[in-house]
PDB file of N, CA and C in Angstrom:
ATOM      1  N   MET A   1       5.367  -7.929 -33.172  1.00  0.00           N
ATOM      2  CA  MET A   1       4.712  -7.398 -31.453  1.00  0.00           C
ATOM      3  C   MET A   1       4.349  -8.409 -29.850  1.00  0.00           C
ATOM      4  N   ARG A   2       4.526  -9.464 -29.721  1.00  0.00           N
ATOM      5  CA  ARG A   2       4.751 -10.164 -28.764  1.00  0.00           C
ATOM      6  C   ARG A   2       6.531  -9.468 -27.728  1.00  0.00           C
ATOM      7  N   GLU A   3       7.023  -9.266 -28.230  1.00  0.00           N
ATOM      8  CA  GLU A   3       8.375  -8.552 -27.492  1.00  0.00           C
ATOM      9  C   GLU A   3       8.289  -7.559 -27.202  1.00  0.00           C
ATOM     10  N   TRP A   4       7.375  -6.184 -28.375  1.00  0.00           N
ATOM     11  CA  TRP A   4       6.818  -5.333 -28.180  1.00  0.00           C
ATOM     12  C   TRP A   4       5.785  -5.047 -27.123  1.00  0.00           C
ATOM     13  N   LEU A   5       4.584  -5.793 -26.246  1.00  0.00           N
ATOM     14  CA  LEU A   5       3.718  -5.608 -25.460  1.00  0.00           C
ATOM     15  C   LEU A   5       4.612  -6.063 -24.916  1.00  0.00           C
ATOM     16  N   GLN A   6       5.268  -7.007 -24.538  1.00  0.00           N
ATOM     17  CA  GLN A   6       5.796  -7.557 -23.556  1.00  0.00           C
ATOM     18  C   GLN A   6       7.221  -6.419 -22.955  1.00  0.00           C
ATOM     19  N   GLY A   7       7.357  -6.237 -23.618  1.00  0.00           N
ATOM     20  CA  GLY A   7       8.679  -4.635 -22.824  1.00  0.00           C
ATOM     21  C   GLY A   7       7.945  -3.446 -21.999  1.00  0.00           C
ATOM     22  N   PHE A   8       6.468  -3.504 -23.182  1.00  0.00           N
ATOM     23  CA  PHE A   8       6.305  -2.349 -22.908  1.00  0.00           C
ATOM     24  C   PHE A   8       5.643  -3.031 -21.188  1.00  0.00           C
ATOM     25  N   LEU A   9       4.468  -3.759 -20.952  1.00  0.00           N
ATOM     26  CA  LEU A   9       4.562  -4.174 -20.017  1.00  0.00           C
ATOM     27  C   LEU A   9       5.261  -4.219 -18.781  1.00  0.00           C
ATOM     28  N   GLN A  10       6.368  -4.445 -19.283  1.00  0.00           N
ATOM     29  CA  GLN A  10       7.638  -4.618 -18.228  1.00  0.00           C
ATOM     30  C   GLN A  10       7.866  -3.332 -17.938  1.00  0.00           C
ATOM     31  N   ILE A  11       7.833  -1.719 -18.747  1.00  0.00           N
ATOM     32  CA  ILE A  11       7.931  -0.915 -18.402  1.00  0.00           C
ATOM     33  C   ILE A  11       6.898  -0.220 -17.229  1.00  0.00           C
ATOM     34  N   VAL A  12       5.530  -0.571 -17.323  1.00  0.00           N
ATOM     35  CA  VAL A  12       4.458  -0.276 -17.581  1.00  0.00           C
ATOM     36  C   VAL A  12       4.273  -1.115 -15.684  1.00  0.00           C
ATOM     37  N   ALA A  13       4.311  -2.281 -15.561  1.00  0.00           N
ATOM     38  CA  ALA A  13       4.512  -2.342 -14.475  1.00  0.00           C
ATOM     39  C   ALA A  13       5.981  -1.870 -13.514  1.00  0.00           C
ATOM     40  N   GLY A  14       7.459  -1.630 -14.151  1.00  0.00           N
ATOM     41  CA  GLY A  14       7.696  -1.031 -13.413  1.00  0.00           C
ATOM     42  C   GLY A  14       7.933  -0.073 -12.661  1.00  0.00           C
ATOM     43  N   ALA A  15       6.651   1.051 -13.090  1.00  0.00           N
ATOM     44  CA  ALA A  15       6.511   1.890 -13.036  1.00  0.00           C
ATOM     45  C   ALA A  15       5.310   2.130 -11.618  1.00  0.00           C
ATOM     46  N   ALA A  16       4.778   1.276 -11.943  1.00  0.00           N
ATOM     47  CA  ALA A  16       3.417   0.597 -10.923  1.00  0.00           C
ATOM     48  C   ALA A  16       4.518   0.567  -9.542  1.00  0.00           C
ATOM     49  N   GLU A  17       5.477  -0.513  -9.552  1.00  0.00           N
ATOM     50  CA  GLU A  17       6.747  -0.621  -8.500  1.00  0.00           C
ATOM     51  C   GLU A  17       6.929   0.178  -7.888  1.00  0.00           C
ATOM     52  N   THR A  18       7.812   1.284  -8.889  1.00  0.00           N
ATOM     53  CA  THR A  18       8.184   1.923  -8.401  1.00  0.00           C
ATOM     54  C   THR A  18       7.171   3.639  -7.342  1.00  0.00           C
ATOM     55  N   GLY A  19       5.492   4.006  -8.462  1.00  0.00           N
ATOM     56  CA  GLY A  19       4.974   4.803  -7.460  1.00  0.00           C
ATOM     57  C   GLY A  19       4.487   3.900  -5.983  1.00  0.00           C
ATOM     58  N   ALA A  20       4.940   2.237  -5.885  1.00  0.00           N
ATOM     59  CA  ALA A  20       4.730   1.855  -4.591  1.00  0.00           C
ATOM     60  C   ALA A  20       5.351   2.608  -3.559  1.00  0.00           C
ATOM     61  N   ALA A  21       6.856   2.478  -4.140  1.00  0.00           N
ATOM     62  CA  ALA A  21       8.061   2.799  -3.506  1.00  0.00           C
ATOM     63  C   ALA A  21       7.876   4.289  -3.768  1.00  0.00           C
ATOM     64  N   VAL A  22       7.382   4.633  -4.025  1.00  0.00           N
ATOM     65  CA  VAL A  22       7.149   6.508  -3.462  1.00  0.00           C
ATOM     66  C   VAL A  22       5.771   6.836  -2.630  1.00  0.00           C
ATOM     67  N   VAL A  23       5.038   5.725  -3.147  1.00  0.00           N
ATOM     68  CA  VAL A  23       3.720   5.819  -2.330  1.00  0.00           C
ATOM     69  C   VAL A  23       4.004   6.012  -0.430  1.00  0.00           C
ATOM     70  N   ILE A  24       5.140   4.757  -0.408  1.00  0.00           N
ATOM     71  CA  ILE A  24       5.373   4.236   0.203  1.00  0.00           C
ATOM     72  C   ILE A  24       5.807   5.708   1.340  1.00  0.00           C
ATOM     73  N   ALA A  25       7.171   5.798   1.064  1.00  0.00           N
ATOM     74  CA  ALA A  25       7.724   6.411   1.422  1.00  0.00           C
ATOM     75  C   ALA A  25       7.373   7.657   2.114  1.00  0.00           C
ATOM     76  N   ALA A  26       6.508   8.884   1.001  1.00  0.00           N
ATOM     77  CA  ALA A  26       5.879   9.942   1.132  1.00  0.00           C
ATOM     78  C   ALA A  26       4.940   9.023   2.683  1.00  0.00           C
ATOM     79  N   GLY A  27       3.932   7.810   2.898  1.00  0.00           N
ATOM     80  CA  GLY A  27       3.823   8.208   3.448  1.00  0.00           C
ATOM     81  C   GLY A  27       3.902   7.995   4.726  1.00  0.00           C
ATOM     82  N   MET A  28       5.366   7.551   5.026  1.00  0.00           N
ATOM     83  CA  MET A  28       5.994   7.382   6.160  1.00  0.00           C
ATOM     84  C   MET A  28       6.862   8.463   6.263  1.00  0.00           C
ATOM     85  N   ALA A  29       6.887   9.430   5.269  1.00  0.00           N
ATOM     86  CA  ALA A  29       7.242  10.768   6.133  1.00  0.00           C
ATOM     87  C   ALA A  29       6.247  11.455   6.509  1.00  0.00           C
ATOM     88  N   LYS A  30       5.602  11.883   5.822  1.00  0.00           N
ATOM     89  CA  LYS A  30       3.961  12.938   6.391  1.00  0.00           C
ATOM     90  C   LYS A  30       3.659  11.780   7.543  1.00  0.00           C
ATOM     91  N   ALA A  31       3.557  11.160   7.786  1.00  0.00           N
ATOM     92  CA  ALA A  31       3.853  10.147   8.958  1.00  0.00           C
ATOM     93  C   ALA A  31       4.535  10.312  10.567  1.00  0.00           C
ATOM     94  N   LEU A  32       5.926  10.810   9.875  1.00  0.00           N
ATOM     95  CA  LEU A  32       6.616  11.067  11.044  1.00  0.00           C
ATOM     96  C   LEU A  32       6.676  12.468  11.110  1.00  0.00           C
ATOM     97  N   TRP A  33       6.371  13.191   9.905  1.00  0.00           N
ATOM     98  CA  TRP A  33       6.616  14.479  10.533  1.00  0.00           C
ATOM     99  C   TRP A  33       5.576  15.030  11.604  1.00  0.00           C
ATOM    100  N   ASP A  34       4.701  14.889  10.872  1.00  0.00           N
ATOM    101  CA  ASP A  34       3.615  14.144  12.317  1.00  0.00           C
ATOM    102  C   ASP A  34       3.215  14.331  13.362  1.00  0.00           C
ATOM    103  N   PHE A  35       4.108  12.946  13.564  1.00  0.00           N
ATOM    104  CA  PHE A  35       4.836  12.510  14.128  1.00  0.00           C
ATOM    105  C   PHE A  35       5.784  13.217  15.433  1.00  0.00           C
ATOM    106  N   ALA A  36       6.594  13.485  14.025  1.00  0.00           N
ATOM    107  CA  ALA A  36       7.515  14.513  15.160  1.00  0.00           C
ATOM    108  C   ALA A  36       7.221  15.964  15.477  1.00  0.00           C
ATOM    109  N   THR A  37       6.505  16.823  14.402  1.00  0.00           N
ATOM    110  CA  THR A  37       5.874  18.005  15.086  1.00  0.00           C
ATOM    111  C   THR A  37       5.030  18.694  16.323  1.00  0.00           C
ATOM    112  N   ARG A  38       4.063  17.233  16.127  1.00  0.00           N
ATOM    113  CA  ARG A  38       3.700  17.104  17.724  1.00  0.00           C
ATOM    114  C   ARG A  38       3.813  16.792  18.893  1.00  0.00           C
ATOM    115  N   ASN A  39       4.990  16.289  19.102  1.00  0.00           N
ATOM    116  CA  ASN A  39       5.751  15.354  19.363  1.00  0.00           C
ATOM    117  C   ASN A  39       7.170  16.569  20.632  1.00  0.00           C
ATOM    118  N   LEU A  40       7.140  17.135  19.258  1.00  0.00           N
ATOM    119  CA  LEU A  40       8.399  18.657  19.936  1.00  0.00           C
ATOM    120  C   LEU A  40       7.897  20.111  20.127  1.00  0.00           C
ATOM    121  N   ARG A  41       6.544  19.716  20.074  1.00  0.00           N
ATOM    122  CA  ARG A  41       5.406  20.942  21.037  1.00  0.00           C
ATOM    123  C   ARG A  41       5.215  20.802  21.605  1.00  0.00           C
ATOM    124  N   GLY A  42       4.843  19.312  21.869  1.00  0.00           N
ATOM    125  CA  GLY A  42       4.022  18.799  23.255  1.00  0.00           C
ATOM    126  C   GLY A  42       2.542  18.549  23.519  1.00  0.00           C
ATOM    127  N   ARG A  43       2.629  18.677  22.245  1.00  0.00           N
ATOM    128  CA  ARG A  43       1.197  18.483  22.071  1.00  0.00           C
ATOM    129  C   ARG A  43       0.906  16.425  21.210  1.00  0.00           C
ATOM    130  N   CYS A  44       1.255  15.915  22.086  1.00  0.00           N
ATOM    131  CA  CYS A  44       1.155  14.398  21.171  1.00  0.00           C
ATOM    132  C   CYS A  44      -0.351  13.801  22.090  1.00  0.00           C
ATOM    133  N   SER A  45      -1.573  13.428  21.398  1.00  0.00           N
ATOM    134  CA  SER A  45      -2.066  13.019  22.016  1.00  0.00           C
ATOM    135  C   SER A  45      -2.945  11.798  21.202  1.00  0.00           C
ATOM    136  N   GLY A  46      -3.231  10.461  21.875  1.00  0.00           N
ATOM    137  CA  GLY A  46      -3.221   9.349  21.429  1.00  0.00           C
ATOM    138  C   GLY A  46      -4.482   9.863  19.882  1.00  0.00           C
ATOM    139  N   HIS A  47      -5.011  10.739  19.951  1.00  0.00           N
ATOM    140  CA  HIS A  47      -5.815  11.590  18.457  1.00  0.00           C
ATOM    141  C   HIS A  47      -4.752  11.133  17.338  1.00  0.00           C
ATOM    142  N   GLY A  48      -3.905  12.137  17.622  1.00  0.00           N
ATOM    143  CA  GLY A  48      -3.009  12.800  17.135  1.00  0.00           C
ATOM    144  C   GLY A  48      -2.118  11.520  16.690  1.00  0.00           C
ATOM    145  N   THR A  49      -1.604   9.911  16.847  1.00  0.00           N
ATOM    146  CA  THR A  49      -1.262   9.144  16.857  1.00  0.00           C
ATOM    147  C   THR A  49      -1.731   8.284  16.257  1.00  0.00           C
ATOM    148  N   ALA A  50      -2.899   8.364  16.497  1.00  0.00           N
ATOM    149  CA  ALA A  50      -4.359   7.541  15.686  1.00  0.00           C
ATOM    150  C   ALA A  50      -4.668   8.064  14.394  1.00  0.00           C
ATOM    151  N   MET A  51      -4.418   9.140  14.287  1.00  0.00           N
ATOM    152  CA  MET A  51      -5.020   9.932  12.518  1.00  0.00           C
ATOM    153  C   MET A  51      -3.148   9.607  11.824  1.00  0.00           C
ATOM    154  N   GLY A  52      -2.435   9.854  11.949  1.00  0.00           N
ATOM    155  CA  GLY A  52      -1.292   9.149  11.561  1.00  0.00           C
ATOM    156  C   GLY A  52      -1.097   8.251  10.867  1.00  0.00           C
ATOM    157  N   ARG A  53      -1.253   7.082  12.113  1.00  0.00           N
ATOM    158  CA  ARG A  53      -1.327   5.790  11.648  1.00  0.00           C
ATOM    159  C   ARG A  53      -2.446   5.130  10.780  1.00  0.00           C
ATOM    160  N   LEU A  54      -3.071   6.186  10.555  1.00  0.00           N
ATOM    161  CA  LEU A  54      -4.351   5.711   9.048  1.00  0.00           C
ATOM    162  C   LEU A  54      -4.187   6.173   8.230  1.00  0.00           C
ATOM    163  N   LYS A  55      -3.441   8.035   8.338  1.00  0.00           N
ATOM    164  CA  LYS A  55      -2.865   8.214   7.058  1.00  0.00           C
ATOM    165  C   LYS A  55      -1.496   7.619   6.324  1.00  0.00           C
ATOM    166  N   LEU A  56      -0.875   6.778   7.428  1.00  0.00           N
ATOM    167  CA  LEU A  56       0.390   6.284   6.868  1.00  0.00           C
ATOM    168  C   LEU A  56      -0.878   4.371   6.648  1.00  0.00           C
ATOM    169  N   GLY A  57      -1.283   3.787   6.945  1.00  0.00           N
ATOM    170  CA  GLY A  57      -2.358   2.320   6.744  1.00  0.00           C
ATOM    171  C   GLY A  57      -2.494   3.282   5.336  1.00  0.00           C
ATOM    172  N   TYR A  58      -3.471   3.278   4.447  1.00  0.00           N
ATOM    173  CA  TYR A  58      -4.127   4.434   3.279  1.00  0.00           C
ATOM    174  C   TYR A  58      -2.224   4.481   3.100  1.00  0.00           C
ATOM    175  N   ALA A  59      -2.100   5.207   3.255  1.00  0.00           N
ATOM    176  CA  ALA A  59      -1.140   5.085   1.595  1.00  0.00           C
ATOM    177  C   ALA A  59       0.155   3.993   1.388  1.00  0.00           C
ATOM    178  N   LEU A  60      -0.018   3.079   2.714  1.00  0.00           N
ATOM    179  CA  LEU A  60       0.040   1.510   2.452  1.00  0.00           C
ATOM    180  C   LEU A  60      -0.571   0.815   1.391  1.00  0.00           C
ATOM    181  N   SER A  61      -1.784   1.497   2.368  1.00  0.00           N
ATOM    182  CA  SER A  61      -3.115  -0.236   1.425  1.00  0.00           C
ATOM    183  C   SER A  61      -2.671   0.212  -0.256  1.00  0.00           C
ATOM    184  N   LEU A  62      -2.852   1.584  -0.403  1.00  0.00           N
ATOM    185  CA  LEU A  62      -2.381   2.060  -1.982  1.00  0.00           C
ATOM    186  C   LEU A  62      -1.443   1.334  -2.594  1.00  0.00           C
ATOM    187  N   ALA A  63      -0.079   1.176  -1.959  1.00  0.00           N
ATOM    188  CA  ALA A  63       0.538   0.000  -2.270  1.00  0.00           C
ATOM    189  C   ALA A  63       0.896  -0.916  -1.929  1.00  0.00           C
ATOM    190  N   LEU A  64      -0.299  -1.572  -1.756  1.00  0.00           N
ATOM    191  CA  LEU A  64       0.019  -3.069  -1.891  1.00  0.00           C
ATOM    192  C   LEU A  64      -1.194  -3.108  -3.457  1.00  0.00           C
ATOM    193  N   GLU A  65      -1.470  -2.303  -3.489  1.00  0.00           N
ATOM    194  CA  GLU A  65      -2.961  -2.006  -4.651  1.00  0.00           C
ATOM    195  C   GLU A  65      -1.826  -1.954  -6.235  1.00  0.00           C
ATOM    196  N   LEU A  66      -0.693  -1.203  -5.768  1.00  0.00           N
ATOM    197  CA  LEU A  66      -0.286  -0.377  -6.929  1.00  0.00           C
ATOM    198  C   LEU A  66       0.762  -2.446  -6.897  1.00  0.00           C
ATOM    199  N   LEU A  67       1.478  -2.436  -6.060  1.00  0.00           N
ATOM    200  CA  LEU A  67       2.201  -4.135  -6.598  1.00  0.00           C
ATOM    201  C   LEU A  67       1.460  -5.229  -6.941  1.00  0.00           C
ATOM    202  N   ILE A  68       0.141  -5.527  -6.122  1.00  0.00           N
ATOM    203  CA  ILE A  68      -0.415  -6.579  -7.372  1.00  0.00           C
ATOM    204  C   ILE A  68      -0.924  -6.355  -8.818  1.00  0.00           C
ATOM    205  N   GLY A  69      -1.429  -4.921  -9.262  1.00  0.00           N
ATOM    206  CA  GLY A  69      -1.085  -4.490 -10.763  1.00  0.00           C
ATOM    207  C   GLY A  69      -0.447  -4.871 -11.305  1.00  0.00           C
ATOM    208  N   ALA A  70       1.007  -4.176 -10.886  1.00  0.00           N
ATOM    209  CA  ALA A  70       2.891  -5.095 -10.717  1.00  0.00           C
ATOM    210  C   ALA A  70       2.557  -6.118 -11.060  1.00  0.00           C
ATOM    211  N   ASP A  71       2.173  -7.014 -10.524  1.00  0.00           N
ATOM    212  CA  ASP A  71       2.683  -8.558 -10.714  1.00  0.00           C
ATOM    213  C   ASP A  71       2.057  -9.201 -12.378  1.00  0.00           C
ATOM    214  N   ILE A  72       0.605  -8.655 -12.269  1.00  0.00           N
ATOM    215  CA  ILE A  72      -0.580  -9.083 -12.728  1.00  0.00           C
ATOM    216  C   ILE A  72       0.014  -8.921 -13.893  1.00  0.00           C
ATOM    217  N   LEU A  73       0.639  -7.511 -14.628  1.00  0.00           N
ATOM    218  CA  LEU A  73       1.316  -6.948 -15.878  1.00  0.00           C
ATOM    219  C   LEU A  73       2.070  -7.989 -16.234  1.00  0.00           C
ATOM    220  N   LYS A  74       3.453  -8.361 -15.145  1.00  0.00           N
ATOM    221  CA  LYS A  74       4.321  -9.225 -15.327  1.00  0.00           C
ATOM    222  C   LYS A  74       4.158 -10.323 -16.435  1.00  0.00           C
ATOM    223  N   SER A  75       2.920 -10.846 -15.561  1.00  0.00           N
ATOM    224  CA  SER A  75       2.626 -11.956 -16.329  1.00  0.00           C
ATOM    225  C   SER A  75       1.485 -11.734 -17.325  1.00  0.00           C
ATOM    226  N   ALA A  76       1.432 -11.265 -17.882  1.00  0.00           N
ATOM    227  CA  ALA A  76      -0.295 -11.217 -18.889  1.00  0.00           C
ATOM    228  C   ALA A  76       0.628 -11.403 -19.659  1.00  0.00           C
ATOM    229  N   VAL A  77       2.021 -11.550 -20.593  1.00  0.00           N
ATOM    230  CA  VAL A  77       2.413 -12.355 -22.205  1.00  0.00           C
ATOM    231  C   VAL A  77       2.124 -13.710 -21.515  1.00  0.00           C
ATOM    232  N   SER A  78       1.801 -14.450 -22.101  1.00  0.00           N
ATOM    233  CA  SER A  78       1.826 -15.537 -21.898  1.00  0.00           C
ATOM    234  C   SER A  78       2.888 -16.975 -20.834  1.00  0.00           C
ATOM    235  N   PRO A  79       1.764 -16.223 -19.582  1.00  0.00           N
ATOM    236  CA  PRO A  79       2.419 -16.577 -18.267  1.00  0.00           C
ATOM    237  C   PRO A  79       3.094 -18.590 -18.870  1.00  0.00           C
ATOM    238  N   THR A  80       3.574 -19.136 -17.780  1.00  0.00           N
ATOM    239  CA  THR A  80       3.217 -19.944 -17.730  1.00  0.00           C
ATOM    240  C   THR A  80       2.408 -21.024 -16.484  1.00  0.00           C
ATOM    241  N   TRP A  81       2.364 -21.702 -16.116  1.00  0.00           N
ATOM    242  CA  TRP A  81       1.171 -23.263 -15.109  1.00  0.00           C
ATOM    243  C   TRP A  81       2.228 -22.040 -13.706  1.00  0.00           C
ATOM    244  N   ALA A  82       3.555 -22.457 -13.984  1.00  0.00           N
ATOM    245  CA  ALA A  82       3.789 -21.916 -12.707  1.00  0.00           C
ATOM    246  C   ALA A  82       4.325 -20.480 -12.103  1.00  0.00           C
ATOM    247  N   ASP A  83       3.811 -19.454 -13.471  1.00  0.00           N
ATOM    248  CA  ASP A  83       3.974 -18.315 -13.421  1.00  0.00           C
ATOM    249  C   ASP A  83       2.094 -17.582 -12.250  1.00  0.00           C
ATOM    250  N   LEU A  84       1.675 -19.069 -12.581  1.00  0.00           N
ATOM    251  CA  LEU A  84       0.279 -18.429 -12.470  1.00  0.00           C
ATOM    252  C   LEU A  84       0.510 -18.894 -11.238  1.00  0.00           C
ATOM    253  N   GLY A  85       1.068 -19.488 -10.665  1.00  0.00           N
ATOM    254  CA  GLY A  85       0.511 -20.069  -9.729  1.00  0.00           C
ATOM    255  C   GLY A  85       0.816 -19.565  -8.642  1.00  0.00           C
ATOM    256  N   GLN A  86       2.900 -19.051  -9.068  1.00  0.00           N
ATOM    257  CA  GLN A  86       3.405 -17.718  -8.034  1.00  0.00           C
ATOM    258  C   GLN A  86       2.058 -16.380  -7.881  1.00  0.00           C
ATOM    259  N   LEU A  87       2.078 -16.190  -9.218  1.00  0.00           N
ATOM    260  CA  LEU A  87       0.967 -14.860  -9.422  1.00  0.00           C
ATOM    261  C   LEU A  87      -0.310 -15.256  -8.251  1.00  0.00           C
ATOM    262  N   ALA A  88      -0.492 -16.230  -8.466  1.00  0.00           N
ATOM    263  CA  ALA A  88      -2.006 -16.418  -7.552  1.00  0.00           C
ATOM    264  C   ALA A  88      -1.212 -16.227  -5.969  1.00  0.00           C
ATOM    265  N   ALA A  89       0.575 -16.881  -5.641  1.00  0.00           N
ATOM    266  CA  ALA A  89      -0.241 -16.746  -4.288  1.00  0.00           C
ATOM    267  C   ALA A  89       0.401 -15.934  -4.069  1.00  0.00           C
ATOM    268  N   ILE A  90       1.354 -14.588  -4.905  1.00  0.00           N
ATOM    269  CA  ILE A  90       1.512 -13.438  -4.215  1.00  0.00           C
ATOM    270  C   ILE A  90       0.694 -12.799  -4.444  1.00  0.00           C
ATOM    271  N   VAL A  91      -0.493 -12.789  -5.299  1.00  0.00           N
ATOM    272  CA  VAL A  91      -1.488 -12.203  -5.253  1.00  0.00           C
ATOM    273  C   VAL A  91      -2.638 -12.087  -3.334  1.00  0.00           C
ATOM    274  N   GLY A  92      -2.445 -13.453  -3.425  1.00  0.00           N
ATOM    275  CA  GLY A  92      -3.610 -13.993  -2.423  1.00  0.00           C
ATOM    276  C   GLY A  92      -2.952 -13.276  -1.185  1.00  0.00           C
ATOM    277  N   ILE A  93      -1.470 -13.401  -1.352  1.00  0.00           N
ATOM    278  CA  ILE A  93      -1.034 -12.707   0.217  1.00  0.00           C
ATOM    279  C   ILE A  93      -1.437 -11.291   0.622  1.00  0.00           C
ATOM    280  N   ARG A  94      -1.212 -10.514  -0.545  1.00  0.00           N
ATOM    281  CA  ARG A  94      -1.071  -9.410  -1.186  1.00  0.00           C
ATOM    282  C   ARG A  94      -2.430  -8.730  -0.566  1.00  0.00           C
ATOM    283  N   THR A  95      -3.417  -9.889  -1.263  1.00  0.00           N
ATOM    284  CA  THR A  95      -4.781  -9.803  -0.876  1.00  0.00           C
ATOM    285  C   THR A  95      -5.085  -9.276   0.184  1.00  0.00           C
ATOM    286  N   VAL A  96      -4.658 -10.495   1.169  1.00  0.00           N
ATOM    287  CA  VAL A  96      -4.822 -11.057   2.580  1.00  0.00           C
ATOM    288  C   VAL A  96      -3.980  -9.954   3.098  1.00  0.00           C
ATOM    289  N   LEU A  97      -3.243  -9.382   3.682  1.00  0.00           N
ATOM    290  CA  LEU A  97      -2.059  -8.762   4.539  1.00  0.00           C
ATOM    291  C   LEU A  97      -3.555  -6.948   3.886  1.00  0.00           C
ATOM    292  N   ASN A  98      -3.095  -6.635   3.149  1.00  0.00           N
ATOM    293  CA  ASN A  98      -4.304  -5.467   2.849  1.00  0.00           C
ATOM    294  C   ASN A  98      -6.224  -5.347   3.727  1.00  0.00           C
ATOM    295  N   TYR A  99      -6.367  -6.508   3.188  1.00  0.00           N
ATOM    296  CA  TYR A  99      -8.028  -6.641   4.155  1.00  0.00           C
ATOM    297  C   TYR A  99      -7.878  -6.812   5.633  1.00  0.00           C
ATOM    298  N   PHE A 100      -6.371  -6.967   5.517  1.00  0.00           N
ATOM    299  CA  PHE A 100      -6.589  -7.168   7.448  1.00  0.00           C
ATOM    300  C   PHE A 100      -6.096  -5.180   7.859  1.00  0.00           C
ATOM    301  N   LEU A 101      -4.673  -5.548   7.219  1.00  0.00           N
ATOM    302  CA  LEU A 101      -4.701  -3.316   6.941  1.00  0.00           C
ATOM    303  C   LEU A 101      -6.135  -3.025   6.943  1.00  0.00           C
ATOM    304  N   LEU A 102      -6.823  -2.800   6.175  1.00  0.00           N
ATOM    305  CA  LEU A 102      -8.087  -1.462   6.150  1.00  0.00           C
ATOM    306  C   LEU A 102      -9.087  -1.685   7.190  1.00  0.00           C
ATOM    307  N   PHE A 103      -9.002  -3.534   7.942  1.00  0.00           N
ATOM    308  CA  PHE A 103      -9.381  -4.290   8.456  1.00  0.00           C
ATOM    309  C   PHE A 103      -9.331  -3.559  10.713  1.00  0.00           C
ATOM    310  N   GLU A 104      -8.425  -2.787  10.334  1.00  0.00           N
ATOM    311  CA  GLU A 104      -7.368  -2.784  11.398  1.00  0.00           C
ATOM    312  C   GLU A 104      -7.718  -1.210  10.909  1.00  0.00           C
ATOM    313  N   MET A 105      -7.407  -0.190  10.436  1.00  0.00           N
ATOM    314  CA  MET A 105      -7.957   1.781   9.702  1.00  0.00           C
ATOM    315  C   MET A 105      -9.282   1.216  10.418  1.00  0.00           C
ATOM    316  N   ARG A 106     -10.608   0.822   9.572  1.00  0.00           N
ATOM    317  CA  ARG A 106     -11.943   0.665  10.163  1.00  0.00           C
ATOM    318  C   ARG A 106     -11.848   0.283  11.043  1.00  0.00           C
ATOM    319  N   VAL A 107     -11.368  -0.263  12.435  1.00  0.00           N
ATOM    320  CA  VAL A 107     -11.833   0.099  13.747  1.00  0.00           C
ATOM    321  C   VAL A 107     -11.155   1.082  14.542  1.00  0.00           C
ATOM    322  N   LEU A 108      -9.973   1.010  14.178  1.00  0.00           N
ATOM    323  CA  LEU A 108      -9.091   2.632  13.941  1.00  0.00           C
ATOM    324  C   LEU A 108      -9.814   4.161  14.282  1.00  0.00           C
ATOM    325  N   THR A 109     -10.332   3.640  13.409  1.00  0.00           N
ATOM    326  CA  THR A 109     -11.326   4.613  11.890  1.00  0.00           C
ATOM    327  C   THR A 109     -12.393   4.749  13.378  1.00  0.00           C
ATOM    328  N   LYS A 110     -12.828   4.063  13.892  1.00  0.00           N
ATOM    329  CA  LYS A 110     -14.489   3.866  14.466  1.00  0.00           C
ATOM    330  C   LYS A 110     -14.322   3.930  16.680  1.00  0.00           C
ATOM    331  N   GLU A 111     -12.766   3.776  16.612  1.00  0.00           N
ATOM    332  CA  GLU A 111     -12.733   4.384  18.273  1.00  0.00           C
ATOM    333  C   GLU A 111     -12.219   5.670  18.166  1.00  0.00           C
ATOM    334  N   GLU A 112     -11.595   6.461  16.422  1.00  0.00           N
ATOM    335  CA  GLU A 112     -11.474   7.705  17.572  1.00  0.00           C
ATOM    336  C   GLU A 112     -13.571   7.923  17.249  1.00  0.00           C
ATOM    337  N   GLY A 113     -13.628   7.788  16.637  1.00  0.00           N
ATOM    338  CA  GLY A 113     -14.778   8.358  16.140  1.00  0.00           C
ATOM    339  C   GLY A 113     -15.602   8.669  17.745  1.00  0.00           C
ATOM    340  N   ARG A 114     -15.689   7.047  18.282  1.00  0.00           N
ATOM    341  CA  ARG A 114     -16.064   6.899  19.864  1.00  0.00           C
ATOM    342  C   ARG A 114     -15.590   8.449  20.852  1.00  0.00           C
ATOM    343  N   ALA A 115     -14.418   8.803  20.837  1.00  0.00           N
ATOM    344  CA  ALA A 115     -13.517   8.755  21.429  1.00  0.00           C
ATOM    345  C   ALA A 115     -13.920  10.958  21.530  1.00  0.00           C
ATOM    346  N   GLY A 116     -14.359  10.962  20.294  1.00  0.00           N
ATOM    347  CA  GLY A 116     -14.460  12.493  19.678  1.00  0.00           C
ATOM    348  C   GLY A 116     -15.768  12.653  20.817  1.00  0.00           C
ATOM    349  N   ASP A 117     -16.504  12.088  20.896  1.00  0.00           N
ATOM    350  CA  ASP A 117     -17.934  12.331  20.738  1.00  0.00           C
ATOM    351  C   ASP A 117     -18.486  12.716  22.422  1.00  0.00           C
TER     352      ASP A 117
END
């Protein structure tokens, strides 16, 4: 039973990692497409660039959350103390990255709101 559960969790964790890669790729493609179409039309503005950064930021934030979930799933079945320490370090680093990413996105959103006034 334990082997089956561990195999299942590894598959789900792999799917979460794949999902994170897809989200990052889609966010990058969307941001690059928006930036390129604005520049080719000669209508690139600070607002448009900021909106592209926000879209990419949301994609990166979602991807970080998916990767944290994948790491938790990987160590869910009979972890060792070393596994738990490594998981805590990885989750801590990714959580801090996500916090500052979301902080930057909030600041950018507020600046865009003031620019629109």
